[in-house]
Each structure stands twice: as structure tokens, then as C-alpha cells.
């Protein structure tokens, strides 16, 4: 019973985030004014899949067609997860960084 009271506030905070997922995504895109912002650090590592994931992210941010945005971000996530899980990019900071940015654009903060 004691643990339940510790977990309930987490659910109370997470549920509104999940419910507002689409609203957050549009506000993030609007706040960035649909411009891709390059990383401020020198990201090195990874292979062509990592740079492809970055390109998909850029396309997803800069497109004005919602269906293309969703497709580009999903493709970027797929490519980066494949690189991390199956192609040795698990130690690549660049792959993790671009994957995190894709998740942020999709409002998948968890």
C-alpha cells in the first residue's frame, strides 16, 4: 500500500503528457519555426545509418505536410534503432543524440 502512494503521482503526471502528445508535437514544431537546428557539439561516430537518421529528422522538421512529417520521423527512428541494435552503433553518441531528437519531435518523452 505504501508503494502505491509513491507511484500514483507519477501516473498523475504522465497521463496528461500522453493525452497532449499531438499538441506538444505541433507546439515543438511551431516553436522551432520549422527549421532544423544542428547539434552544437561535434558529433562523430556511427555509419551511414546514423547520418540517414539525421537526414530523416531534418526532413521531418522542415516538411509542411503532416503525413510526410510522420513518415520521415518514423523512418528515422527505424533506421537509428536498427543501427543501434543490429549494426554496432550502440556506442555512438551521434546515433543516440539523433534518436533522442526524433523522440522529442514525436513528443515521446518517456
PDB file of N, CA and C in Angstrom:
ATOM      1  N   UNK A   1       0.828  -1.192   0.000  1.00  0.00           N
ATOM      2  CA  UNK A   1       0.000   0.000   0.000  1.00  0.00           C
ATOM      3  C   UNK A   1       0.872   1.256   0.000  1.00  0.00           C
ATOM      4  N   UNK A   2       1.962   1.192   0.731  1.00  0.00           N
ATOM      5  CA  UNK A   2       2.852   2.348   0.821  1.00  0.00           C
ATOM      6  C   UNK A   2       3.460   2.666  -0.550  1.00  0.00           C
ATOM      7  N   UNK A   3       3.797   1.628  -1.306  1.00  0.00           N
ATOM      8  CA  UNK A   3       4.385   1.841  -2.630  1.00  0.00           C
ATOM      9  C   UNK A   3       3.386   2.437  -3.605  1.00  0.00           C
ATOM     10  N   UNK A   4       2.143   2.056  -3.450  1.00  0.00           N
ATOM     11  CA  UNK A   4       1.108   2.582  -4.328  1.00  0.00           C
ATOM     12  C   UNK A   4       1.036   4.107  -4.247  1.00  0.00           C
ATOM     13  N   UNK A   5       1.146   4.651  -3.067  1.00  0.00           N
ATOM     14  CA  UNK A   5       1.098   6.107  -2.897  1.00  0.00           C
ATOM     15  C   UNK A   5       2.310   6.798  -3.496  1.00  0.00           C
ATOM     16  N   UNK A   6       3.405   6.057  -3.629  1.00  0.00           N
ATOM     17  CA  UNK A   6       4.600   6.638  -4.237  1.00  0.00           C
ATOM     18  C   UNK A   6       4.495   6.633  -5.763  1.00  0.00           C
ATOM     19  N   UNK A   7       3.757   5.677  -6.317  1.00  0.00           N
ATOM     20  CA  UNK A   7       3.644   5.541  -7.763  1.00  0.00           C
ATOM     21  C   UNK A   7       2.530   6.414  -8.341  1.00  0.00           C
ATOM     22  N   UNK A   8       1.479   6.634  -7.604  1.00  0.00           N
ATOM     23  CA  UNK A   8       0.331   7.393  -8.109  1.00  0.00           C
ATOM     24  C   UNK A   8       0.687   8.787  -8.617  1.00  0.00           C
ATOM     25  N   UNK A   9       1.550   9.551  -7.945  1.00  0.00           N
ATOM     26  CA  UNK A   9       1.905  10.869  -8.503  1.00  0.00           C
ATOM     27  C   UNK A   9       2.578  10.772  -9.868  1.00  0.00           C
ATOM     28  N   UNK A  10       3.334   9.711 -10.104  1.00  0.00           N
ATOM     29  CA  UNK A  10       3.971   9.538 -11.416  1.00  0.00           C
ATOM     30  C   UNK A  10       2.923   9.352 -12.500  1.00  0.00           C
ATOM     31  N   UNK A  11       1.905   8.529 -12.225  1.00  0.00           N
ATOM     32  CA  UNK A  11       0.828   8.344 -13.185  1.00  0.00           C
ATOM     33  C   UNK A  11       0.054   9.640 -13.391  1.00  0.00           C
ATOM     34  N   UNK A  12      -0.141  10.375 -12.345  1.00  0.00           N
ATOM     35  CA  UNK A  12      -0.886  11.626 -12.454  1.00  0.00           C
ATOM     36  C   UNK A  12      -0.155  12.622 -13.353  1.00  0.00           C
ATOM     37  N   UNK A  13       1.160  12.574 -13.325  1.00  0.00           N
ATOM     38  CA  UNK A  13       1.935  13.466 -14.184  1.00  0.00           C
ATOM     39  C   UNK A  13       2.043  12.942 -15.603  1.00  0.00           C
ATOM     40  N   UNK A  14       2.108  11.623 -15.765  1.00  0.00           N
ATOM     41  CA  UNK A  14       2.315  11.036 -17.088  1.00  0.00           C
ATOM     42  C   UNK A  14       1.053  11.059 -17.951  1.00  0.00           C
ATOM     43  N   UNK A  15      -0.105  10.912 -17.352  1.00  0.00           N
ATOM     44  CA  UNK A  15      -1.334  10.836 -18.131  1.00  0.00           C
ATOM     45  C   UNK A  15      -1.621  12.109 -18.932  1.00  0.00           C
ATOM     46  N   UNK A  16      -1.478  13.293 -18.365  1.00  0.00           N
ATOM     47  CA  UNK A  16      -1.708  14.483 -19.202  1.00  0.00           C
ATOM     48  C   UNK A  16      -0.706  14.602 -20.341  1.00  0.00           C
ATOM     49  N   UNK A  17       0.537  14.163 -20.122  1.00  0.00           N
ATOM     50  CA  UNK A  17       1.521  14.201 -21.202  1.00  0.00           C
ATOM     51  C   UNK A  17       1.104  13.303 -22.346  1.00  0.00           C
ATOM     52  N   UNK A  18       0.649  12.103 -22.023  1.00  0.00           N
ATOM     53  CA  UNK A  18       0.210  11.182 -23.066  1.00  0.00           C
ATOM     54  C   UNK A  18      -1.011  11.730 -23.800  1.00  0.00           C
ATOM     55  N   UNK A  19      -1.907  12.346 -23.081  1.00  0.00           N
ATOM     56  CA  UNK A  19      -3.124  12.884 -23.697  1.00  0.00           C
ATOM     57  C   UNK A  19      -2.825  14.069 -24.604  1.00  0.00           C
ATOM     58  N   UNK A  20      -1.773  14.802 -24.328  1.00  0.00           N
ATOM     59  CA  UNK A  20      -1.453  16.001 -25.095  1.00  0.00           C
ATOM     60  C   UNK A  20      -0.365  15.756 -26.131  1.00  0.00           C
ATOM     61  N   UNK A  21      -0.077  14.506 -26.438  1.00  0.00           N
ATOM     62  CA  UNK A  21       1.049  14.181 -27.302  1.00  0.00           C
ATOM     63  C   UNK A  21       1.002  14.937 -28.624  1.00  0.00           C
ATOM     64  N   UNK A  22      -0.116  14.950 -29.306  1.00  0.00           N
ATOM     65  CA  UNK A  22      -0.189  15.635 -30.591  1.00  0.00           C
ATOM     66  C   UNK A  22      -0.049  17.139 -30.431  1.00  0.00           C
ATOM     67  N   UNK A  23      -0.608  17.705 -29.380  1.00  0.00           N
ATOM     68  CA  UNK A  23      -0.488  19.132 -29.144  1.00  0.00           C
ATOM     69  C   UNK A  23       0.943  19.546 -28.874  1.00  0.00           C
ATOM     70  N   UNK A  24       1.662  18.721 -28.131  1.00  0.00           N
ATOM     71  CA  UNK A  24       3.072  19.014 -27.832  1.00  0.00           C
ATOM     72  C   UNK A  24       3.881  18.976 -29.109  1.00  0.00           C
ATOM     73  N   UNK A  25       3.624  17.988 -29.959  1.00  0.00           N
ATOM     74  CA  UNK A  25       4.370  17.871 -31.197  1.00  0.00           C
ATOM     75  C   UNK A  25       4.208  19.113 -32.059  1.00  0.00           C
ATOM     76  N   UNK A  26       2.984  19.591 -32.193  1.00  0.00           N
ATOM     77  CA  UNK A  26       2.774  20.770 -33.022  1.00  0.00           C
ATOM     78  C   UNK A  26       3.385  22.013 -32.389  1.00  0.00           C
ATOM     79  N   UNK A  27       3.343  22.115 -31.059  1.00  0.00           N
ATOM     80  CA  UNK A  27       3.950  23.276 -30.404  1.00  0.00           C
ATOM     81  C   UNK A  27       5.465  23.251 -30.531  1.00  0.00           C
ATOM     82  N   UNK A  28       6.074  22.062 -30.450  1.00  0.00           N
ATOM     83  CA  UNK A  28       7.524  21.962 -30.618  1.00  0.00           C
ATOM     84  C   UNK A  28       7.905  22.404 -32.017  1.00  0.00           C
ATOM     85  N   UNK A  29       7.187  21.925 -33.013  1.00  0.00           N
ATOM     86  CA  UNK A  29       7.479  22.310 -34.396  1.00  0.00           C
ATOM     87  C   UNK A  29       7.272  23.802 -34.596  1.00  0.00           C
ATOM     88  N   UNK A  30       6.226  24.343 -34.023  1.00  0.00           N
ATOM     89  CA  UNK A  30       5.950  25.770 -34.171  1.00  0.00           C
ATOM     90  C   UNK A  30       7.007  26.614 -33.473  1.00  0.00           C
ATOM     91  N   UNK A  31       7.459  26.143 -32.305  1.00  0.00           N
ATOM     92  CA  UNK A  31       8.448  26.932 -31.573  1.00  0.00           C
ATOM     93  C   UNK A  31       9.798  26.932 -32.277  1.00  0.00           C
ATOM     94  N   UNK A  32      10.079  25.894 -33.043  1.00  0.00           N
ATOM     95  CA  UNK A  32      11.332  25.850 -33.790  1.00  0.00           C
ATOM     96  C   UNK A  32      11.207  26.552 -35.136  1.00  0.00           C
ATOM     97  N   UNK A  33       9.985  26.989 -35.438  1.00  0.00           N
ATOM     98  CA  UNK A  33       9.712  27.685 -36.696  1.00  0.00           C
ATOM     99  C   UNK A  33      10.094  26.813 -37.892  1.00  0.00           C
ATOM    100  N   UNK A  34       9.939  25.499 -37.747  1.00  0.00           N
ATOM    101  CA  UNK A  34      10.180  24.525 -38.808  1.00  0.00           C
ATOM    102  C   UNK A  34      11.580  24.629 -39.389  1.00  0.00           C
ATOM    103  N   UNK A  35      12.559  24.865 -38.558  1.00  0.00           N
ATOM    104  CA  UNK A  35      13.946  24.893 -39.000  1.00  0.00           C
ATOM    105  C   UNK A  35      14.724  23.849 -38.229  1.00  0.00           C
ATOM    106  N   UNK A  36      15.555  23.117 -38.947  1.00  0.00           N
ATOM    107  CA  UNK A  36      16.410  22.121 -38.329  1.00  0.00           C
ATOM    108  C   UNK A  36      17.589  22.833 -37.678  1.00  0.00           C
ATOM    109  N   UNK A  37      17.854  22.519 -36.440  1.00  0.00           N
ATOM    110  CA  UNK A  37      18.971  23.127 -35.719  1.00  0.00           C
ATOM    111  C   UNK A  37      20.058  22.077 -35.556  1.00  0.00           C
ATOM    112  N   UNK A  38      21.206  22.368 -36.061  1.00  0.00           N
ATOM    113  CA  UNK A  38      22.352  21.468 -35.986  1.00  0.00           C
ATOM    114  C   UNK A  38      22.805  21.325 -34.536  1.00  0.00           C
ATOM    115  N   UNK A  39      23.414  20.202 -34.210  1.00  0.00           N
ATOM    116  CA  UNK A  39      23.933  19.983 -32.861  1.00  0.00           C
ATOM    117  C   UNK A  39      25.051  20.977 -32.585  1.00  0.00           C
ATOM    118  N   UNK A  40      25.098  21.487 -31.364  1.00  0.00           N
ATOM    119  CA  UNK A  40      26.121  22.479 -31.034  1.00  0.00           C
ATOM    120  C   UNK A  40      27.476  21.831 -30.748  1.00  0.00           C
ATOM    121  N   UNK A  41      27.507  20.511 -30.575  1.00  0.00           N
ATOM    122  CA  UNK A  41      28.769  19.812 -30.337  1.00  0.00           C
ATOM    123  C   UNK A  41      29.163  19.055 -31.599  1.00  0.00           C
ATOM    124  N   UNK A  42      30.386  18.621 -31.653  1.00  0.00           N
ATOM    125  CA  UNK A  42      30.880  17.838 -32.780  1.00  0.00           C
ATOM    126  C   UNK A  42      30.511  16.375 -32.566  1.00  0.00           C
ATOM    127  N   UNK A  43      29.463  15.910 -33.215  1.00  0.00           N
ATOM    128  CA  UNK A  43      29.048  14.516 -33.078  1.00  0.00           C
ATOM    129  C   UNK A  43      29.777  13.674 -34.106  1.00  0.00           C
ATOM    130  N   UNK A  44      30.510  12.697 -33.621  1.00  0.00           N
ATOM    131  CA  UNK A  44      31.236  11.797 -34.506  1.00  0.00           C
ATOM    132  C   UNK A  44      30.855  10.374 -34.144  1.00  0.00           C
ATOM    133  N   UNK A  45      31.005   9.508 -35.086  1.00  0.00           N
ATOM    134  CA  UNK A  45      30.713   8.106 -34.840  1.00  0.00           C
ATOM    135  C   UNK A  45      29.498   7.666 -35.607  1.00  0.00           C
ATOM    136  N   UNK A  46      29.331   6.369 -35.642  1.00  0.00           N
ATOM    137  CA  UNK A  46      28.221   5.820 -36.375  1.00  0.00           C
ATOM    138  C   UNK A  46      28.590   5.600 -37.828  1.00  0.00           C
ATOM    139  N   UNK A  47      27.624   5.205 -38.603  1.00  0.00           N
ATOM    140  CA  UNK A  47      27.853   4.954 -40.011  1.00  0.00           C
ATOM    141  C   UNK A  47      26.793   5.677 -40.834  1.00  0.00           C
ATOM    142  N   UNK A  48      26.572   5.207 -42.038  1.00  0.00           N
ATOM    143  CA  UNK A  48      25.622   5.895 -42.914  1.00  0.00           C
ATOM    144  C   UNK A  48      24.208   5.864 -42.346  1.00  0.00           C
ATOM    145  N   UNK A  49      23.899   4.881 -41.520  1.00  0.00           N
ATOM    146  CA  UNK A  49      22.567   4.826 -40.922  1.00  0.00           C
ATOM    147  C   UNK A  49      22.352   6.001 -39.963  1.00  0.00           C
ATOM    148  N   UNK A  50      23.394   6.361 -39.254  1.00  0.00           N
ATOM    149  CA  UNK A  50      23.303   7.495 -38.329  1.00  0.00           C
ATOM    150  C   UNK A  50      23.057   8.786 -39.095  1.00  0.00           C
ATOM    151  N   UNK A  51      23.785   8.992 -40.162  1.00  0.00           N
ATOM    152  CA  UNK A  51      23.559  10.209 -40.946  1.00  0.00           C
ATOM    153  C   UNK A  51      22.208  10.162 -41.655  1.00  0.00           C
ATOM    154  N   UNK A  52      21.743   8.967 -42.021  1.00  0.00           N
ATOM    155  CA  UNK A  52      20.403   8.850 -42.610  1.00  0.00           C
ATOM    156  C   UNK A  52      19.330   9.224 -41.590  1.00  0.00           C
ATOM    157  N   UNK A  53      19.513   8.779 -40.353  1.00  0.00           N
ATOM    158  CA  UNK A  53      18.570   9.138 -39.300  1.00  0.00           C
ATOM    159  C   UNK A  53      18.517  10.642 -39.098  1.00  0.00           C
ATOM    160  N   UNK A  54      19.670  11.276 -39.154  1.00  0.00           N
ATOM    161  CA  UNK A  54      19.736  12.738 -39.022  1.00  0.00           C
ATOM    162  C   UNK A  54      19.001  13.407 -40.195  1.00  0.00           C
ATOM    163  N   UNK A  55      19.184  12.868 -41.392  1.00  0.00           N
ATOM    164  CA  UNK A  55      18.518  13.425 -42.567  1.00  0.00           C
ATOM    165  C   UNK A  55      17.008  13.272 -42.465  1.00  0.00           C
ATOM    166  N   UNK A  56      16.549  12.104 -41.994  1.00  0.00           N
ATOM    167  CA  UNK A  56      15.114  11.915 -41.792  1.00  0.00           C
ATOM    168  C   UNK A  56      14.572  12.911 -40.768  1.00  0.00           C
ATOM    169  N   UNK A  57      15.322  13.154 -39.709  1.00  0.00           N
ATOM    170  CA  UNK A  57      14.908  14.137 -38.711  1.00  0.00           C
ATOM    171  C   UNK A  57      14.769  15.514 -39.342  1.00  0.00           C
ATOM    172  N   UNK A  58      15.760  15.910 -40.108  1.00  0.00           N
ATOM    173  CA  UNK A  58      15.725  17.222 -40.758  1.00  0.00           C
ATOM    174  C   UNK A  58      14.521  17.325 -41.693  1.00  0.00           C
ATOM    175  N   UNK A  59      14.276  16.272 -42.467  1.00  0.00           N
ATOM    176  CA  UNK A  59      13.128  16.258 -43.373  1.00  0.00           C
ATOM    177  C   UNK A  59      11.822  16.357 -42.592  1.00  0.00           C
ATOM    178  N   UNK A  60      11.735  15.608 -41.496  1.00  0.00           N
ATOM    179  CA  UNK A  60      10.523  15.629 -40.684  1.00  0.00           C
ATOM    180  C   UNK A  60      10.245  16.989 -40.078  1.00  0.00           C
ATOM    181  N   UNK A  61      11.290  17.679 -39.701  1.00  0.00           N
ATOM    182  CA  UNK A  61      11.118  19.005 -39.102  1.00  0.00           C
ATOM    183  C   UNK A  61      10.731  20.042 -40.155  1.00  0.00           C
ATOM    184  N   UNK A  62      11.352  19.970 -41.311  1.00  0.00           N
ATOM    185  CA  UNK A  62      11.191  21.034 -42.294  1.00  0.00           C
ATOM    186  C   UNK A  62      10.008  20.855 -43.236  1.00  0.00           C
ATOM    187  N   UNK A  63       9.395  19.666 -43.271  1.00  0.00           N
ATOM    188  CA  UNK A  63       8.267  19.473 -44.173  1.00  0.00           C
ATOM    189  C   UNK A  63       7.007  20.129 -43.615  1.00  0.00           C
ATOM    190  N   UNK A  64       6.159  20.574 -44.515  1.00  0.00           N
ATOM    191  CA  UNK A  64       4.910  21.199 -44.078  1.00  0.00           C
ATOM    192  C   UNK A  64       3.719  20.244 -44.182  1.00  0.00           C
ATOM    193  N   UNK A  65       3.941  19.065 -44.751  1.00  0.00           N
ATOM    194  CA  UNK A  65       2.875  18.073 -44.912  1.00  0.00           C
ATOM    195  C   UNK A  65       2.902  17.129 -43.708  1.00  0.00           C
ATOM    196  N   UNK A  66       1.846  17.111 -42.901  1.00  0.00           N
ATOM    197  CA  UNK A  66       1.842  16.292 -41.687  1.00  0.00           C
ATOM    198  C   UNK A  66       2.116  14.806 -41.923  1.00  0.00           C
ATOM    199  N   UNK A  67       1.589  14.237 -43.007  1.00  0.00           N
ATOM    200  CA  UNK A  67       1.818  12.819 -43.292  1.00  0.00           C
ATOM    201  C   UNK A  67       3.285  12.547 -43.594  1.00  0.00           C
ATOM    202  N   UNK A  68       3.925  13.454 -44.319  1.00  0.00           N
ATOM    203  CA  UNK A  68       5.349  13.308 -44.627  1.00  0.00           C
ATOM    204  C   UNK A  68       6.196  13.455 -43.370  1.00  0.00           C
ATOM    205  N   UNK A  69       5.778  14.335 -42.478  1.00  0.00           N
ATOM    206  CA  UNK A  69       6.485  14.524 -41.211  1.00  0.00           C
ATOM    207  C   UNK A  69       6.471  13.236 -40.396  1.00  0.00           C
ATOM    208  N   UNK A  70       5.288  12.644 -40.274  1.00  0.00           N
ATOM    209  CA  UNK A  70       5.156  11.405 -39.507  1.00  0.00           C
ATOM    210  C   UNK A  70       5.990  10.300 -40.143  1.00  0.00           C
ATOM    211  N   UNK A  71       5.916  10.166 -41.465  1.00  0.00           N
ATOM    212  CA  UNK A  71       6.665   9.119 -42.163  1.00  0.00           C
ATOM    213  C   UNK A  71       8.174   9.314 -42.014  1.00  0.00           C
ATOM    214  N   UNK A  72       8.638  10.545 -42.158  1.00  0.00           N
ATOM    215  CA  UNK A  72      10.076  10.810 -42.054  1.00  0.00           C
ATOM    216  C   UNK A  72      10.592  10.517 -40.652  1.00  0.00           C
ATOM    217  N   UNK A  73       9.862  10.951 -39.638  1.00  0.00           N
ATOM    218  CA  UNK A  73      10.301  10.699 -38.263  1.00  0.00           C
ATOM    219  C   UNK A  73      10.269   9.204 -37.929  1.00  0.00           C
ATOM    220  N   UNK A  74       9.247   8.495 -38.411  1.00  0.00           N
ATOM    221  CA  UNK A  74       9.192   7.045 -38.190  1.00  0.00           C
ATOM    222  C   UNK A  74      10.332   6.329 -38.901  1.00  0.00           C
ATOM    223  N   UNK A  75      10.655   6.755 -40.123  1.00  0.00           N
ATOM    224  CA  UNK A  75      11.780   6.158 -40.846  1.00  0.00           C
ATOM    225  C   UNK A  75      13.101   6.435 -40.145  1.00  0.00           C
ATOM    226  N   UNK A  76      13.260   7.643 -39.653  1.00  0.00           N
ATOM    227  CA  UNK A  76      14.475   7.977 -38.915  1.00  0.00           C
ATOM    228  C   UNK A  76      14.633   7.136 -37.665  1.00  0.00           C
ATOM    229  N   UNK A  77      13.541   6.961 -36.937  1.00  0.00           N
ATOM    230  CA  UNK A  77      13.581   6.131 -35.739  1.00  0.00           C
ATOM    231  C   UNK A  77      13.931   4.690 -36.091  1.00  0.00           C
ATOM    232  N   UNK A  78      13.318   4.177 -37.159  1.00  0.00           N
ATOM    233  CA  UNK A  78      13.585   2.803 -37.589  1.00  0.00           C
ATOM    234  C   UNK A  78      15.055   2.606 -37.958  1.00  0.00           C
ATOM    235  N   UNK A  79      15.606   3.527 -38.732  1.00  0.00           N
ATOM    236  CA  UNK A  79      16.992   3.420 -39.184  1.00  0.00           C
ATOM    237  C   UNK A  79      17.958   3.513 -38.002  1.00  0.00           C
ATOM    238  N   UNK A  80      17.712   4.459 -37.109  1.00  0.00           N
ATOM    239  CA  UNK A  80      18.613   4.621 -35.967  1.00  0.00           C
ATOM    240  C   UNK A  80      18.526   3.449 -34.990  1.00  0.00           C
ATOM    241  N   UNK A  81      17.322   2.956 -34.752  1.00  0.00           N
ATOM    242  CA  UNK A  81      17.195   1.791 -33.870  1.00  0.00           C
ATOM    243  C   UNK A  81      17.877   0.573 -34.481  1.00  0.00           C
ATOM    244  N   UNK A  82      17.779   0.409 -35.802  1.00  0.00           N
ATOM    245  CA  UNK A  82      18.470  -0.690 -36.472  1.00  0.00           C
ATOM    246  C   UNK A  82      19.983  -0.543 -36.316  1.00  0.00           C
ATOM    247  N   UNK A  83      20.471   0.668 -36.484  1.00  0.00           N
ATOM    248  CA  UNK A  83      21.910   0.906 -36.339  1.00  0.00           C
ATOM    249  C   UNK A  83      22.376   0.604 -34.917  1.00  0.00           C
ATOM    250  N   UNK A  84      21.598   1.017 -33.931  1.00  0.00           N
ATOM    251  CA  UNK A  84      21.976   0.817 -32.530  1.00  0.00           C
ATOM    252  C   UNK A  84      21.867  -0.652 -32.134  1.00  0.00           C
ATOM    253  N   UNK A  85      20.791  -1.308 -32.527  1.00  0.00           N
ATOM    254  CA  UNK A  85      20.536  -2.675 -32.084  1.00  0.00           C
ATOM    255  C   UNK A  85      21.283  -3.731 -32.887  1.00  0.00           C
ATOM    256  N   UNK A  86      21.479  -3.505 -34.178  1.00  0.00           N
ATOM    257  CA  UNK A  86      21.999  -4.574 -35.029  1.00  0.00           C
ATOM    258  C   UNK A  86      23.319  -4.275 -35.722  1.00  0.00           C
ATOM    259  N   UNK A  87      23.759  -3.050 -35.718  1.00  0.00           N
ATOM    260  CA  UNK A  87      24.928  -2.704 -36.532  1.00  0.00           C
ATOM    261  C   UNK A  87      26.035  -1.996 -35.766  1.00  0.00           C
ATOM    262  N   UNK A  88      26.107  -2.208 -34.484  1.00  0.00           N
ATOM    263  CA  UNK A  88      27.238  -1.734 -33.700  1.00  0.00           C
ATOM    264  C   UNK A  88      27.276  -0.256 -33.389  1.00  0.00           C
ATOM    265  N   UNK A  89      26.182   0.446 -33.537  1.00  0.00           N
ATOM    266  CA  UNK A  89      26.189   1.877 -33.231  1.00  0.00           C
ATOM    267  C   UNK A  89      25.750   2.150 -31.802  1.00  0.00           C
ATOM    268  N   UNK A  90      25.713   1.118 -30.966  1.00  0.00           N
ATOM    269  CA  UNK A  90      25.246   1.321 -29.591  1.00  0.00           C
ATOM    270  C   UNK A  90      26.201   2.198 -28.780  1.00  0.00           C
ATOM    271  N   UNK A  91      27.439   2.316 -29.223  1.00  0.00           N
ATOM    272  CA  UNK A  91      28.404   3.187 -28.540  1.00  0.00           C
ATOM    273  C   UNK A  91      28.568   4.529 -29.249  1.00  0.00           C
ATOM    274  N   UNK A  92      27.716   4.793 -30.218  1.00  0.00           N
ATOM    275  CA  UNK A  92      27.812   6.032 -30.981  1.00  0.00           C
ATOM    276  C   UNK A  92      26.962   7.120 -30.329  1.00  0.00           C
ATOM    277  N   UNK A  93      27.588   8.163 -29.791  1.00  0.00           N
ATOM    278  CA  UNK A  93      26.798   9.252 -29.217  1.00  0.00           C
ATOM    279  C   UNK A  93      25.906   9.924 -30.253  1.00  0.00           C
ATOM    280  N   UNK A  94      26.351   9.989 -31.488  1.00  0.00           N
ATOM    281  CA  UNK A  94      25.562  10.633 -32.535  1.00  0.00           C
ATOM    282  C   UNK A  94      24.253   9.890 -32.768  1.00  0.00           C
ATOM    283  N   UNK A  95      24.306   8.563 -32.825  1.00  0.00           N
ATOM    284  CA  UNK A  95      23.091   7.782 -33.053  1.00  0.00           C
ATOM    285  C   UNK A  95      22.087   8.000 -31.934  1.00  0.00           C
ATOM    286  N   UNK A  96      22.568   7.998 -30.699  1.00  0.00           N
ATOM    287  CA  UNK A  96      21.664   8.219 -29.552  1.00  0.00           C
ATOM    288  C   UNK A  96      21.117   9.643 -29.539  1.00  0.00           C
ATOM    289  N   UNK A  97      21.941  10.601 -29.883  1.00  0.00           N
ATOM    290  CA  UNK A  97      21.512  12.005 -29.894  1.00  0.00           C
ATOM    291  C   UNK A  97      20.390  12.215 -30.915  1.00  0.00           C
ATOM    292  N   UNK A  98      20.611  11.741 -32.158  1.00  0.00           N
ATOM    293  CA  UNK A  98      19.606  11.944 -33.194  1.00  0.00           C
ATOM    294  C   UNK A  98      18.337  11.158 -32.879  1.00  0.00           C
ATOM    295  N   UNK A  99      18.473   9.974 -32.296  1.00  0.00           N
ATOM    296  CA  UNK A  99      17.292   9.212 -31.901  1.00  0.00           C
ATOM    297  C   UNK A  99      16.506   9.974 -30.831  1.00  0.00           C
ATOM    298  N   UNK A 100      17.210  10.558 -29.879  1.00  0.00           N
ATOM    299  CA  UNK A 100      16.543  11.359 -28.850  1.00  0.00           C
ATOM    300  C   UNK A 100      15.819  12.555 -29.430  1.00  0.00           C
ATOM    301  N   UNK A 101      16.421  13.193 -30.414  1.00  0.00           N
ATOM    302  CA  UNK A 101      15.766  14.334 -31.060  1.00  0.00           C
ATOM    303  C   UNK A 101      14.514  13.909 -31.814  1.00  0.00           C
ATOM    304  N   UNK A 102      14.562  12.723 -32.426  1.00  0.00           N
ATOM    305  CA  UNK A 102      13.376  12.216 -33.114  1.00  0.00           C
ATOM    306  C   UNK A 102      12.269  11.950 -32.106  1.00  0.00           C
ATOM    307  N   UNK A 103      12.618  11.297 -30.994  1.00  0.00           N
ATOM    308  CA  UNK A 103      11.624  11.059 -29.955  1.00  0.00           C
ATOM    309  C   UNK A 103      11.037  12.377 -29.440  1.00  0.00           C
ATOM    310  N   UNK A 104      11.858  13.395 -29.319  1.00  0.00           N
ATOM    311  CA  UNK A 104      11.364  14.698 -28.867  1.00  0.00           C
ATOM    312  C   UNK A 104      10.382  15.280 -29.872  1.00  0.00           C
ATOM    313  N   UNK A 105      10.692  15.185 -31.152  1.00  0.00           N
ATOM    314  CA  UNK A 105       9.778  15.701 -32.181  1.00  0.00           C
ATOM    315  C   UNK A 105       8.465  14.936 -32.211  1.00  0.00           C
ATOM    316  N   UNK A 106       8.516  13.658 -31.826  1.00  0.00           N
ATOM    317  CA  UNK A 106       7.301  12.848 -31.778  1.00  0.00           C
ATOM    318  C   UNK A 106       6.580  12.991 -30.436  1.00  0.00           C
ATOM    319  N   UNK A 107       7.115  13.828 -29.569  1.00  0.00           N
ATOM    320  CA  UNK A 107       6.561  14.057 -28.237  1.00  0.00           C
ATOM    321  C   UNK A 107       6.518  12.774 -27.430  1.00  0.00           C
ATOM    322  N   UNK A 108       7.473  11.884 -27.649  1.00  0.00           N
ATOM    323  CA  UNK A 108       7.590  10.643 -26.893  1.00  0.00           C
ATOM    324  C   UNK A 108       8.676  10.861 -25.842  1.00  0.00           C
ATOM    325  N   UNK A 109       8.326  11.612 -24.826  1.00  0.00           N
ATOM    326  CA  UNK A 109       9.317  11.994 -23.820  1.00  0.00           C
ATOM    327  C   UNK A 109       9.653  10.885 -22.836  1.00  0.00           C
ATOM    328  N   UNK A 110       8.798   9.894 -22.752  1.00  0.00           N
ATOM    329  CA  UNK A 110       9.082   8.764 -21.860  1.00  0.00           C
ATOM    330  C   UNK A 110      10.155   7.922 -22.481  1.00  0.00           C
TER     331      UNK A 110
END
